[in-house]
C-alpha cells in the first residue's frame, strides 16, 4: 500500500511540474515621460487596383449593398467603424503604369488598359472623382500617389490642379465639367511607389529618382503650396536601403514632408517565435531612417521637420505568388498586426502616418465572400488602436523574460505601449504577450497620479493560434469586460498569445 501511495505521489509531482507555469513581469508607467504626440494618420489604409480590392470590394454596383455611386455601404460602414483616417490610392505597383486622365470623364468613353503590374485589365471605371467620393463617404482623408515610373512631370502637376485648383484653369474647369466645381483639396501626395525596386515599372536608381521626383515636387508645390509630399523611401532591404534614403533626403529635403517605408511580415519557416520577432526589423528601420533625417536636417540647418510615413505594412506570405492576394488571417497574424501598431505608437514622435495594405479582400482586414462582408482577425487590434489611442505616447518601462530566435536576440515576451489621453482622462496600455503557451503575471505600476474606479479590458485572443474567421463565424474578435483598479497599481495576467488593451481612468 505504501509503495502505491509513494508512486501516486511521485506521479502527482511530475504532473504538476509538467503544467505550464506562468511567467512574471513588471510594467511601470509615468505620465511625465511623454515622447511624442500620436497623429491620427497612424490609423490609415491603402487601396490599390489589384484583385478584388476596388472592383468587387469597395465598388460593386450589382450588389444589394451598393449605394447610388456603386460603392458598397457595408464596406463604407466597416471602414468608418475601423477608424480609418487616411487612405492611399491608386497604388502600389499599379500606379507606376497608371495615367490618371484615363479615369475621368464619361465612363463609357474611358479606355480599357492592361495593367502590367498585376497582369489584369483595368476598366478605369473607378477614377479620381469616384475614389474621392468613396473616401468622403468613408470619413477618411485621401492620399494620392502619383506615377513616377512611366508618368510625366506634367501629369503629376496637372493632377494637383485637377483636384485642388479653383475653377478658371484648364484642369480645374475639366473637374467642374465632370461634376465637381469645388476643389477637393487633397492634402497628401506621394512621389511614386517603391521606385528602388526592380519589380517597379520605370525603376530608377537613387540619383535618377531623386532628380525626377525633385522636378515633380517643384511643379506640384508651385501648383498648390499647401500640399504635403511623401518621398518614395526604400523598400528593398536586400540592398543598401539606408543609402537610398540618404540620397533622397539630401536631394528632396526642401520639398518633402515625409519619407515612406514599407514592410511585410511572414511566417515563412512556421516558427512562432521568429514570426513574433519580425517587427523588430521595422523598429530598426524606423530608427535608422530617423537618424538619417536628423543628419540631413542638421546638415542643411533645417527648421522644417521631416517625418516617416509607413504607408505599406501587413502580414503577407501565403498568397505571395497568387494573383488575387486574398490572404486569410488567423490569431497569430492578429498578434503581428498589434505588434506593428505598437511600433508605430512607440515611435510616434517620428512616424506620423501608417497605411495598412489593403482595405478589403486583398491582404485586408475585411473580406467579402458570397456577397457578405466579414471581419478578419487583424481587424480587431487595428480598431482598438484607432478608436482609443489618441494623445501622447508614454515611455513604458517593462521587465520580463526574453528569448532568442535566429537572428533576433533578446526579444521581450511582453511588447507594451502606453498612451495618455488627456481629453478622456485615460491611460491606455497595449500589451502583446508573444509567448505561445504561457500566461504572464504582471505587476502594473503607475508612477504618477492615482488609478480610480473601473478599467475596461479588451482582449483579442482565441483557443488556437491558427483560428480564423469566416462569413459564418467570428472565432477571433475583441471581448471586453470591466475590472476594478485603485491606488498606484494592480496585477494583471496576460493570457498566452494574446493582445490586450486596458483603458484606465486616472486622477
Protein backbone atom coordinates (compact mmCIF):
# COMPACT_ATOMS: atom_id res chain seq x y z
CA UNK A 1 0.00 0.00 0.00
CA UNK A 2 2.83 2.41 0.93
CA UNK A 3 4.54 1.67 -2.40
CA UNK A 4 1.35 2.54 -4.28
CA UNK A 5 0.96 5.80 -2.31
CA UNK A 6 4.58 6.74 -2.95
CA UNK A 7 4.20 6.04 -6.68
CA UNK A 8 0.99 8.07 -6.80
CA UNK A 9 2.72 10.98 -5.02
CA UNK A 10 5.67 10.91 -7.44
CA UNK A 11 3.35 10.88 -10.43
CA UNK A 12 1.44 13.85 -8.97
CA UNK A 13 4.68 15.82 -8.53
CA UNK A 14 5.72 15.06 -12.10
CA UNK A 15 2.35 16.12 -13.47
CA UNK A 16 2.39 19.41 -11.51
CA UNK A 17 5.86 20.19 -12.83
CA UNK A 18 4.61 19.47 -16.35
CA UNK A 19 1.87 22.12 -16.09
CA UNK A 20 2.74 25.40 -17.87
CA UNK A 21 4.00 27.79 -15.21
CA UNK A 22 3.09 31.45 -15.63
CA UNK A 23 5.94 33.89 -16.28
CA UNK A 24 6.34 37.08 -14.20
CA UNK A 25 6.71 40.66 -15.41
CA UNK A 26 6.50 44.29 -14.33
CA UNK A 27 5.30 47.37 -16.24
CA UNK A 28 5.94 50.91 -14.98
CA UNK A 29 4.25 53.97 -16.46
CA UNK A 30 4.93 57.62 -15.67
CA UNK A 31 2.67 60.30 -17.13
CA UNK A 32 5.61 62.73 -17.20
CA UNK A 33 7.58 60.58 -19.63
CA UNK A 34 5.86 61.75 -22.80
CA UNK A 35 7.78 61.03 -26.01
CA UNK A 36 5.50 62.11 -28.84
CA UNK A 37 2.03 63.15 -29.93
CA UNK A 38 0.11 60.42 -31.77
CA UNK A 39 -1.05 61.61 -35.18
CA UNK A 40 -4.46 60.28 -36.21
CA UNK A 41 -2.91 59.48 -39.62
CA UNK A 42 -1.30 56.45 -37.95
CA UNK A 43 -4.61 54.68 -38.48
CA UNK A 44 -4.59 54.76 -42.27
CA UNK A 45 -5.17 52.27 -45.02
CA UNK A 46 -4.33 51.64 -48.67
CA UNK A 47 -6.39 50.69 -51.72
CA UNK A 48 -4.83 49.52 -54.97
CA UNK A 49 -6.27 48.41 -58.30
CA UNK A 50 -5.40 44.81 -57.59
CA UNK A 51 -7.57 41.70 -57.41
CA UNK A 52 -10.90 42.39 -55.70
CA UNK A 53 -9.85 45.43 -53.68
CA UNK A 54 -11.51 48.06 -55.89
CA UNK A 55 -13.75 46.06 -58.22
CA UNK A 56 -15.78 43.57 -56.20
CA UNK A 57 -14.54 45.16 -52.98
CA UNK A 58 -15.26 48.83 -52.38
CA UNK A 59 -17.06 49.12 -55.75
CA UNK A 60 -19.76 46.63 -56.73
CA UNK A 61 -22.78 48.27 -58.39
CA UNK A 62 -24.52 44.88 -58.80
CA UNK A 63 -24.55 44.24 -55.06
CA UNK A 64 -27.67 44.88 -52.95
CA UNK A 65 -25.23 46.77 -50.69
CA UNK A 66 -24.32 49.29 -53.42
CA UNK A 67 -25.12 52.97 -52.91
CA UNK A 68 -26.02 55.34 -55.74
CA UNK A 69 -22.33 55.63 -56.70
CA UNK A 70 -21.84 51.85 -56.81
CA UNK A 71 -19.83 51.67 -53.59
CA UNK A 72 -20.74 49.05 -51.00
CA UNK A 73 -22.42 50.58 -47.96
CA UNK A 74 -21.23 47.74 -45.72
CA UNK A 75 -17.60 48.42 -46.72
CA UNK A 76 -18.08 52.13 -46.05
CA UNK A 77 -19.57 51.42 -42.61
CA UNK A 78 -16.88 48.87 -41.69
CA UNK A 79 -14.22 51.39 -42.77
CA UNK A 80 -15.76 54.02 -40.51
CA UNK A 81 -16.05 51.50 -37.66
CA UNK A 82 -12.39 50.60 -38.15
CA UNK A 83 -11.49 54.26 -37.61
CA UNK A 84 -9.56 54.60 -40.88
CA UNK A 85 -8.17 58.13 -41.01
CA UNK A 86 -6.41 58.31 -44.40
CA UNK A 87 -6.47 56.08 -47.49
CA UNK A 88 -3.63 55.85 -50.01
CA UNK A 89 -4.51 55.27 -53.70
CA UNK A 90 -4.17 54.09 -56.53
CA UNK A 91 -1.02 52.09 -55.73
CA UNK A 92 1.22 50.38 -55.10
CA UNK A 93 2.91 48.88 -58.14
CA UNK A 94 -0.20 49.71 -60.16
CA UNK A 95 0.45 53.45 -60.02
CA UNK A 96 3.74 53.23 -61.94
CA UNK A 97 1.76 52.39 -65.09
CA UNK A 98 -1.38 54.43 -64.31
CA UNK A 99 -2.29 57.58 -66.25
CA UNK A 100 -4.94 59.39 -64.27
CA UNK A 101 -6.66 61.07 -67.24
CA UNK A 102 -7.78 57.57 -68.32
CA UNK A 103 -10.07 57.60 -65.27
CA UNK A 104 -12.01 60.87 -65.65
CA UNK A 105 -14.95 61.98 -67.78
CA UNK A 106 -17.81 59.83 -69.14
CA UNK A 107 -17.27 56.23 -68.04
CA UNK A 108 -18.28 54.80 -71.41
CA UNK A 109 -15.53 56.83 -73.09
CA UNK A 110 -12.73 55.66 -70.77
CA UNK A 111 -10.14 53.25 -72.20
CA UNK A 112 -9.56 49.70 -71.03
CA UNK A 113 -5.87 49.09 -70.36
CA UNK A 114 -3.75 46.09 -69.50
CA UNK A 115 -2.25 46.56 -66.05
CA UNK A 116 1.37 45.48 -66.42
CA UNK A 117 1.94 45.42 -62.65
CA UNK A 118 -0.51 42.62 -61.85
CA UNK A 119 -1.46 41.28 -65.29
CA UNK A 120 -5.12 42.27 -65.08
CA UNK A 121 -7.32 44.52 -67.24
CA UNK A 122 -8.09 47.96 -65.81
CA UNK A 123 -11.53 49.23 -66.97
CA UNK A 124 -10.95 52.71 -65.48
CA UNK A 125 -14.48 52.79 -64.05
CA UNK A 126 -13.20 53.99 -60.67
CA UNK A 127 -11.03 57.03 -61.23
CA UNK A 128 -10.19 60.21 -59.35
CA UNK A 129 -13.70 61.60 -58.87
CA UNK A 130 -15.23 58.26 -57.94
CA UNK A 131 -12.48 57.39 -55.47
CA UNK A 132 -12.66 60.78 -53.79
CA UNK A 133 -16.40 60.29 -53.32
CA UNK A 134 -15.64 56.97 -51.65
CA UNK A 135 -13.10 58.44 -49.22
CA UNK A 136 -15.52 61.21 -48.29
CA UNK A 137 -18.28 58.66 -47.62
CA UNK A 138 -15.84 56.60 -45.54
CA UNK A 139 -14.81 59.64 -43.47
CA UNK A 140 -11.14 59.35 -44.45
CA UNK A 141 -8.54 61.77 -45.82
CA UNK A 142 -7.41 61.00 -49.38
CA UNK A 143 -3.73 60.35 -50.13
CA UNK A 144 -2.91 60.19 -53.86
CA UNK A 145 0.29 58.59 -55.11
CA UNK A 146 1.49 59.90 -58.49
CA UNK A 147 3.14 57.95 -61.30
CA UNK A 148 6.92 58.40 -61.07
CA UNK A 149 7.57 55.32 -63.23
CA UNK A 150 6.02 55.82 -66.68
CA UNK A 151 4.36 59.15 -65.84
CA UNK A 152 5.40 62.64 -66.88
CA UNK A 153 6.11 65.73 -64.80
CA UNK A 154 3.09 67.43 -66.37
CA UNK A 155 0.83 64.53 -65.35
CA UNK A 156 1.82 65.00 -61.71
CA UNK A 157 1.33 68.78 -61.84
CA UNK A 158 -1.96 68.54 -63.72
CA UNK A 159 -3.38 66.02 -61.24
CA UNK A 160 -2.84 68.51 -58.41
CA UNK A 161 -4.52 71.22 -60.48
CA UNK A 162 -7.46 68.94 -61.28
CA UNK A 163 -8.00 68.11 -57.60
CA UNK A 164 -7.16 71.34 -55.81
CA UNK A 165 -7.35 74.44 -58.02
CA UNK A 166 -10.31 76.78 -58.14
CA UNK A 167 -12.16 76.95 -61.44
CA UNK A 168 -10.68 79.18 -64.11
CA UNK A 169 -7.83 76.88 -65.14
CA UNK A 170 -7.93 74.12 -67.75
CA UNK A 171 -7.86 71.13 -65.39
CA UNK A 172 -9.99 72.67 -62.65
CA UNK A 173 -12.59 73.56 -65.30
CA UNK A 174 -12.39 69.96 -66.51
CA UNK A 175 -13.13 68.82 -62.96
CA UNK A 176 -16.14 71.14 -62.85
CA UNK A 177 -17.31 69.77 -66.20
CA UNK A 178 -17.06 66.29 -64.69
CA UNK A 179 -19.44 67.26 -61.91
CA UNK A 180 -17.37 68.75 -59.07
CA UNK A 181 -16.95 72.55 -59.28
CA UNK A 182 -15.46 72.87 -55.79
CA UNK A 183 -11.81 71.86 -55.25
CA UNK A 184 -11.27 68.54 -53.47
CA UNK A 185 -8.25 69.96 -51.60
CA UNK A 186 -6.31 66.69 -51.44
CA UNK A 187 -3.59 67.29 -48.86
CA UNK A 188 -1.34 64.23 -49.11
CA UNK A 189 0.56 63.33 -52.29
CA UNK A 190 3.11 60.56 -52.79
CA UNK A 191 6.04 60.89 -55.19
CA UNK A 192 5.86 57.39 -56.62
CA UNK A 193 5.86 53.90 -55.17
CA UNK A 194 8.86 51.66 -54.34
CA UNK A 195 10.97 53.23 -57.05
CA UNK A 196 14.09 51.44 -55.77
CA UNK A 197 12.55 48.05 -56.65
CA UNK A 198 13.49 46.31 -59.88
CA UNK A 199 9.90 44.97 -59.97
CA UNK A 200 8.65 48.53 -60.49
CA UNK A 201 7.75 49.94 -63.89
CA UNK A 202 10.16 52.80 -64.53
CA UNK A 203 12.52 51.63 -61.77
CA UNK A 204 15.29 54.16 -61.14
CA UNK A 205 18.44 54.35 -59.06
CA UNK A 206 18.51 56.74 -56.12
CA UNK A 207 20.16 59.59 -58.03
CA UNK A 208 17.81 59.40 -61.03
CA UNK A 209 14.69 59.05 -58.89
CA UNK A 210 15.70 61.99 -56.72
CA UNK A 211 16.30 64.26 -59.74
CA UNK A 212 12.98 63.33 -61.32
CA UNK A 213 10.98 63.49 -58.08
CA UNK A 214 12.52 66.87 -57.27
CA UNK A 215 11.23 68.37 -60.52
CA UNK A 216 7.80 66.83 -59.97
CA UNK A 217 7.76 68.16 -56.40
CA UNK A 218 8.56 71.67 -57.59
CA UNK A 219 5.70 71.70 -60.08
CA UNK A 220 3.24 70.14 -57.65
CA UNK A 221 4.11 72.58 -54.84
CA UNK A 222 4.02 75.53 -57.24
CA UNK A 223 0.51 74.41 -58.23
CA UNK A 224 -0.58 74.20 -54.58
CA UNK A 225 1.90 75.05 -51.84
CA UNK A 226 -0.42 73.72 -49.11
CA UNK A 227 0.03 70.05 -50.08
CA UNK A 228 2.18 67.58 -48.14
CA UNK A 229 4.60 65.45 -50.17
CA UNK A 230 5.78 61.93 -49.35
CA UNK A 231 9.01 60.76 -50.99
CA UNK A 232 9.45 57.12 -52.03
CA UNK A 233 11.80 55.63 -49.45
CA UNK A 234 13.49 52.29 -49.91
CA UNK A 235 11.56 49.04 -49.63
CA UNK A 236 14.36 46.86 -51.00
CA UNK A 237 16.02 45.68 -47.80
CA UNK A 238 18.29 43.27 -49.70
CA UNK A 239 20.36 46.20 -50.90
CA UNK A 240 21.77 49.29 -49.24
CA UNK A 241 18.38 50.77 -48.46
CA UNK A 242 19.75 53.33 -46.00
CA UNK A 243 21.89 54.94 -48.73
CA UNK A 244 18.81 55.24 -50.96
CA UNK A 245 17.02 57.12 -48.18
CA UNK A 246 20.08 59.30 -47.54
CA UNK A 247 20.29 60.27 -51.23
CA UNK A 248 16.55 61.01 -51.46
CA UNK A 249 16.55 63.10 -48.29
CA UNK A 250 19.60 65.09 -49.38
CA UNK A 251 18.05 65.92 -52.76
CA UNK A 252 14.43 66.47 -51.74
CA UNK A 253 14.66 67.85 -48.21
CA UNK A 254 13.36 71.32 -49.14
CA UNK A 255 10.17 69.94 -50.72
CA UNK A 256 9.12 66.79 -48.88
CA UNK A 257 7.28 66.42 -45.59
CA UNK A 258 7.62 62.64 -45.23
CA UNK A 259 9.69 59.75 -46.48
CA UNK A 260 7.92 56.41 -46.88
CA UNK A 261 8.90 52.98 -45.54
CA UNK A 262 7.31 49.60 -46.34
CA UNK A 263 7.45 46.20 -44.64
CA UNK A 264 5.59 42.90 -44.86
CA UNK A 265 5.92 40.15 -42.26
CA UNK A 266 5.65 36.44 -42.96
CA UNK A 267 5.88 33.17 -41.06
CA UNK A 268 7.91 31.51 -43.78
CA UNK A 269 9.56 28.84 -41.63
CA UNK A 270 6.45 28.18 -39.49
CA UNK A 271 8.33 29.24 -36.37
CA UNK A 272 6.14 31.17 -33.93
CA UNK A 273 8.93 32.91 -32.02
CA UNK A 274 10.64 34.14 -35.19
CA UNK A 275 7.33 35.41 -36.58
CA UNK A 276 6.64 37.30 -33.35
CA UNK A 277 10.05 38.99 -33.65
CA UNK A 278 9.65 40.24 -37.24
CA UNK A 279 8.54 43.73 -36.23
CA UNK A 280 11.87 44.35 -34.50
CA UNK A 281 13.16 44.88 -38.07
CA UNK A 282 10.51 47.57 -38.51
CA UNK A 283 11.65 49.40 -35.39
CA UNK A 284 15.27 49.22 -36.52
CA UNK A 285 14.47 50.65 -39.96
CA UNK A 286 12.49 53.50 -38.37
CA UNK A 287 15.33 54.41 -36.02
CA UNK A 288 17.97 54.26 -38.76
CA UNK A 289 15.82 56.42 -41.04
CA UNK A 290 15.19 58.87 -38.20
CA UNK A 291 18.95 59.14 -37.75
CA UNK A 292 19.41 59.95 -41.45
CA UNK A 293 16.61 62.55 -41.28
CA UNK A 294 18.34 64.21 -38.32
CA UNK A 295 21.67 64.10 -40.15
CA UNK A 296 20.17 65.83 -43.21
CA UNK A 297 18.25 68.41 -41.16
CA UNK A 298 21.42 69.25 -39.25
CA UNK A 299 23.48 69.44 -42.45
CA UNK A 300 21.10 71.96 -44.05
CA UNK A 301 20.18 73.72 -40.78
CA UNK A 302 16.53 72.90 -41.37
CA UNK A 303 13.73 74.08 -39.10
CA UNK A 304 11.03 72.25 -41.07
CA UNK A 305 10.51 68.70 -39.79
CA UNK A 306 10.52 65.61 -41.99
CA UNK A 307 8.57 62.61 -40.77
CA UNK A 308 8.17 58.95 -41.69
CA UNK A 309 5.04 57.69 -43.47
CA UNK A 310 4.94 53.91 -43.06
CA UNK A 311 2.50 53.69 -45.93
CA UNK A 312 2.52 49.93 -46.57
CA UNK A 313 2.63 47.17 -43.96
CA UNK A 314 0.86 43.92 -43.15
CA UNK A 315 1.26 40.18 -42.78
CA UNK A 316 1.66 38.71 -46.26
CA UNK A 317 3.25 35.41 -47.21
CA UNK A 318 0.69 32.70 -48.04
CA UNK A 319 -0.57 34.29 -51.27
CA UNK A 320 2.65 35.97 -52.38
CA UNK A 321 2.59 34.31 -55.80
CA UNK A 322 -1.19 34.10 -56.09
CA UNK A 323 -2.76 36.78 -58.29
CA UNK A 324 -5.64 37.90 -56.06
CA UNK A 325 -3.58 38.08 -52.84
CA UNK A 326 -6.61 37.06 -50.76
CA UNK A 327 -4.83 36.21 -47.53
CA UNK A 328 -6.96 34.53 -44.85
CA UNK A 329 -5.67 35.70 -41.48
CA UNK A 330 -5.57 33.88 -38.15
CA UNK A 331 -5.00 34.67 -34.48
CA UNK A 332 -1.23 34.58 -34.90
CA UNK A 333 -1.41 37.23 -37.64
CA UNK A 334 -3.56 39.46 -35.40
CA UNK A 335 -0.72 39.47 -32.86
CA UNK A 336 1.76 40.65 -35.51
CA UNK A 337 -0.57 43.47 -36.57
CA UNK A 338 -0.83 44.56 -32.91
CA UNK A 339 3.00 44.47 -32.75
CA UNK A 340 3.18 46.71 -35.86
CA UNK A 341 0.83 49.18 -34.19
CA UNK A 342 2.88 49.15 -31.00
CA UNK A 343 5.98 50.03 -33.06
CA UNK A 344 4.21 52.99 -34.67
CA UNK A 345 2.83 54.25 -31.35
CA UNK A 346 6.20 53.83 -29.64
CA UNK A 347 7.82 55.92 -32.40
CA UNK A 348 5.00 58.46 -32.71
CA UNK A 349 7.46 61.36 -32.49
CA UNK A 350 8.78 60.49 -35.99
CA UNK A 351 6.15 58.16 -37.55
CA UNK A 352 3.22 60.41 -38.37
CA UNK A 353 1.37 58.23 -40.88
CA UNK A 354 0.84 54.49 -41.35
CA UNK A 355 -1.24 52.73 -44.01
CA UNK A 356 -2.18 49.08 -43.75
CA UNK A 357 -2.19 47.30 -47.10
CA UNK A 358 -5.00 46.88 -48.07
CA UNK A 359 -8.63 47.65 -47.17
CA UNK A 360 -10.84 44.84 -48.46
CA UNK A 361 -10.29 41.33 -49.93
CA UNK A 362 -6.61 41.88 -50.88
CA UNK A 363 -4.38 41.24 -47.82
CA UNK A 364 -7.08 43.05 -45.89
CA UNK A 365 -8.86 43.34 -42.53
CA UNK A 366 -12.23 42.69 -44.14
CA UNK A 367 -13.40 40.19 -46.76
CA UNK A 368 -16.44 39.68 -48.96
CA UNK A 369 -17.47 36.08 -49.52
CA UNK A 370 -20.67 35.09 -51.30
CA UNK A 371 -21.76 38.72 -51.21
CA UNK A 372 -21.36 39.01 -47.43
CA UNK A 373 -18.78 41.20 -45.66
CA UNK A 374 -16.95 39.74 -42.66
CA UNK A 375 -14.06 40.85 -40.48
CA UNK A 376 -10.70 39.13 -40.36
CA UNK A 377 -8.82 38.66 -37.04
CA UNK A 378 -6.49 41.56 -37.89
CA UNK A 379 -9.48 43.95 -37.96
CA UNK A 380 -9.85 43.94 -34.19
CA UNK A 381 -6.43 45.15 -32.97
CA UNK A 382 -6.48 47.85 -35.65
CA UNK A 383 -9.89 49.01 -34.46
CA UNK A 384 -8.83 49.15 -30.80
CA UNK A 385 -5.81 51.31 -31.58
CA UNK A 386 -7.72 53.63 -33.91
CA UNK A 387 -10.66 54.11 -31.56
CA UNK A 388 -8.75 54.60 -28.31
CA UNK A 389 -5.08 55.53 -28.81
CA UNK A 390 -5.05 59.30 -29.08
CA UNK A 391 -2.88 61.73 -27.17
CA UNK A 392 0.72 61.27 -26.01
CA UNK A 393 2.89 58.19 -26.14
CA UNK A 394 4.50 57.38 -22.78
CA UNK A 395 7.86 55.62 -22.43
CA UNK A 396 6.74 52.45 -20.66
CA UNK A 397 9.36 50.50 -18.67
CA UNK A 398 8.99 46.74 -18.99
CA UNK A 399 10.79 43.96 -17.15
CA UNK A 400 10.03 40.46 -18.44
CA UNK A 401 11.53 37.24 -19.76
CA UNK A 402 13.16 37.33 -23.18
CA UNK A 403 14.04 34.86 -25.91
CA UNK A 404 16.32 34.39 -28.93
CA UNK A 405 15.02 33.30 -32.34
CA UNK A 406 17.56 33.02 -35.14
CA UNK A 407 18.89 36.49 -35.93
CA UNK A 408 16.53 38.07 -33.39
CA UNK A 409 18.12 38.34 -29.95
CA UNK A 410 16.73 39.20 -26.53
CA UNK A 411 13.13 39.65 -27.72
CA UNK A 412 10.79 40.50 -24.80
CA UNK A 413 7.77 38.25 -24.42
CA UNK A 414 5.70 41.30 -23.47
CA UNK A 415 5.54 44.11 -26.01
CA UNK A 416 3.99 47.19 -24.41
CA UNK A 417 2.97 50.72 -25.31
CA UNK A 418 1.29 53.28 -23.07
CA UNK A 419 -0.79 56.27 -24.19
CA UNK A 420 -2.15 59.16 -22.14
CA UNK A 421 -5.35 60.64 -23.50
CA UNK A 422 -5.82 63.92 -21.62
CA UNK A 423 -9.24 64.55 -23.19
CA UNK A 424 -10.74 61.35 -21.80
CA UNK A 425 -8.55 61.20 -18.68
CA UNK A 426 -7.44 57.70 -19.61
CA UNK A 427 -4.23 55.72 -19.52
CA UNK A 428 -4.27 53.15 -22.34
CA UNK A 429 -1.98 50.11 -22.18
CA UNK A 430 -1.49 47.97 -25.29
CA UNK A 431 0.10 44.65 -24.41
CA UNK A 432 1.03 41.75 -26.69
CA UNK A 433 2.01 38.51 -24.99
CA UNK A 434 4.20 36.85 -27.62
CA UNK A 435 4.51 33.59 -25.68
CA UNK A 436 2.87 30.68 -27.44
CA UNK A 437 1.91 28.74 -24.31
CA UNK A 438 2.38 30.74 -21.10
CA UNK A 439 0.41 33.49 -19.42
CA UNK A 440 2.41 36.32 -17.86
CA UNK A 441 1.50 37.56 -14.37
CA UNK A 442 2.27 41.26 -14.43
CA UNK A 443 2.59 43.95 -11.82
CA UNK A 444 1.44 47.25 -13.36
CA UNK A 445 2.73 50.34 -11.55
CA UNK A 446 1.53 53.87 -12.30
CA UNK A 447 4.19 56.28 -11.03
CA UNK A 448 2.14 59.45 -11.31
CA UNK A 449 -1.45 60.10 -10.21
CA UNK A 450 -3.89 57.59 -8.82
CA UNK A 451 -5.88 54.94 -10.59
CA UNK A 452 -9.55 55.18 -9.87
CA UNK A 453 -12.67 53.11 -10.37
CA UNK A 454 -13.21 50.80 -13.28
CA UNK A 455 -10.88 49.87 -16.11
CA UNK A 456 -12.08 48.48 -19.44
CA UNK A 457 -10.11 45.45 -20.60
CA UNK A 458 -10.48 44.26 -24.20
CA UNK A 459 -8.74 41.07 -25.18
CA UNK A 460 -8.17 39.71 -28.69
CA UNK A 461 -7.47 36.01 -28.33
CA UNK A 462 -8.62 32.55 -29.34
CA UNK A 463 -8.08 28.96 -28.31
CA UNK A 464 -5.65 28.27 -31.14
CA UNK A 465 -3.14 30.44 -32.99
CA UNK A 466 -4.49 29.05 -36.25
CA UNK A 467 -8.11 30.07 -35.59
CA UNK A 468 -9.60 32.09 -38.47
CA UNK A 469 -12.85 33.93 -39.10
CA UNK A 470 -15.29 33.49 -41.96
CA UNK A 471 -18.69 34.75 -43.13
CA UNK A 472 -20.43 32.38 -40.69
CA UNK A 473 -18.29 32.63 -37.55
CA UNK A 474 -16.03 35.12 -35.78
CA UNK A 475 -13.70 32.95 -33.71
CA UNK A 476 -11.23 35.80 -33.21
CA UNK A 477 -12.54 39.16 -32.04
CA UNK A 478 -12.26 41.64 -29.20
CA UNK A 479 -14.00 40.71 -25.95
CA UNK A 480 -14.41 43.42 -23.29
CA UNK A 481 -15.00 43.39 -19.54
CA UNK A 482 -14.50 45.69 -16.58
CA UNK A 483 -12.09 45.32 -13.67
CA UNK A 484 -11.65 47.42 -10.54
CA UNK A 485 -8.39 49.30 -10.05
CA UNK A 486 -7.25 51.64 -7.30
CA UNK A 487 -4.18 53.33 -5.89
CA UNK A 488 -0.77 53.17 -7.53
CA UNK A 489 -1.14 49.93 -9.45
CA UNK A 490 -2.59 46.48 -9.80
CA UNK A 491 -1.77 42.99 -11.01
CA UNK A 492 -2.99 41.53 -14.28
CA UNK A 493 -2.30 38.22 -16.00
CA UNK A 494 -1.92 38.44 -19.77
CA UNK A 495 -3.00 35.15 -21.37
CA UNK A 496 -0.72 33.24 -23.73
CA UNK A 497 -0.66 34.51 -27.36
CA UNK A 498 -2.94 37.47 -26.72
CA UNK A 499 -3.35 41.16 -27.42
CA UNK A 500 -4.88 43.10 -24.53
CA UNK A 501 -5.85 46.76 -24.34
CA UNK A 502 -6.55 48.29 -20.92
CA UNK A 503 -8.26 51.66 -20.63
CA UNK A 504 -7.78 53.01 -17.12
CA UNK A 505 -9.26 56.18 -15.60
CA UNK A 506 -6.71 58.25 -13.70
CA UNK A 507 -6.96 61.19 -11.32
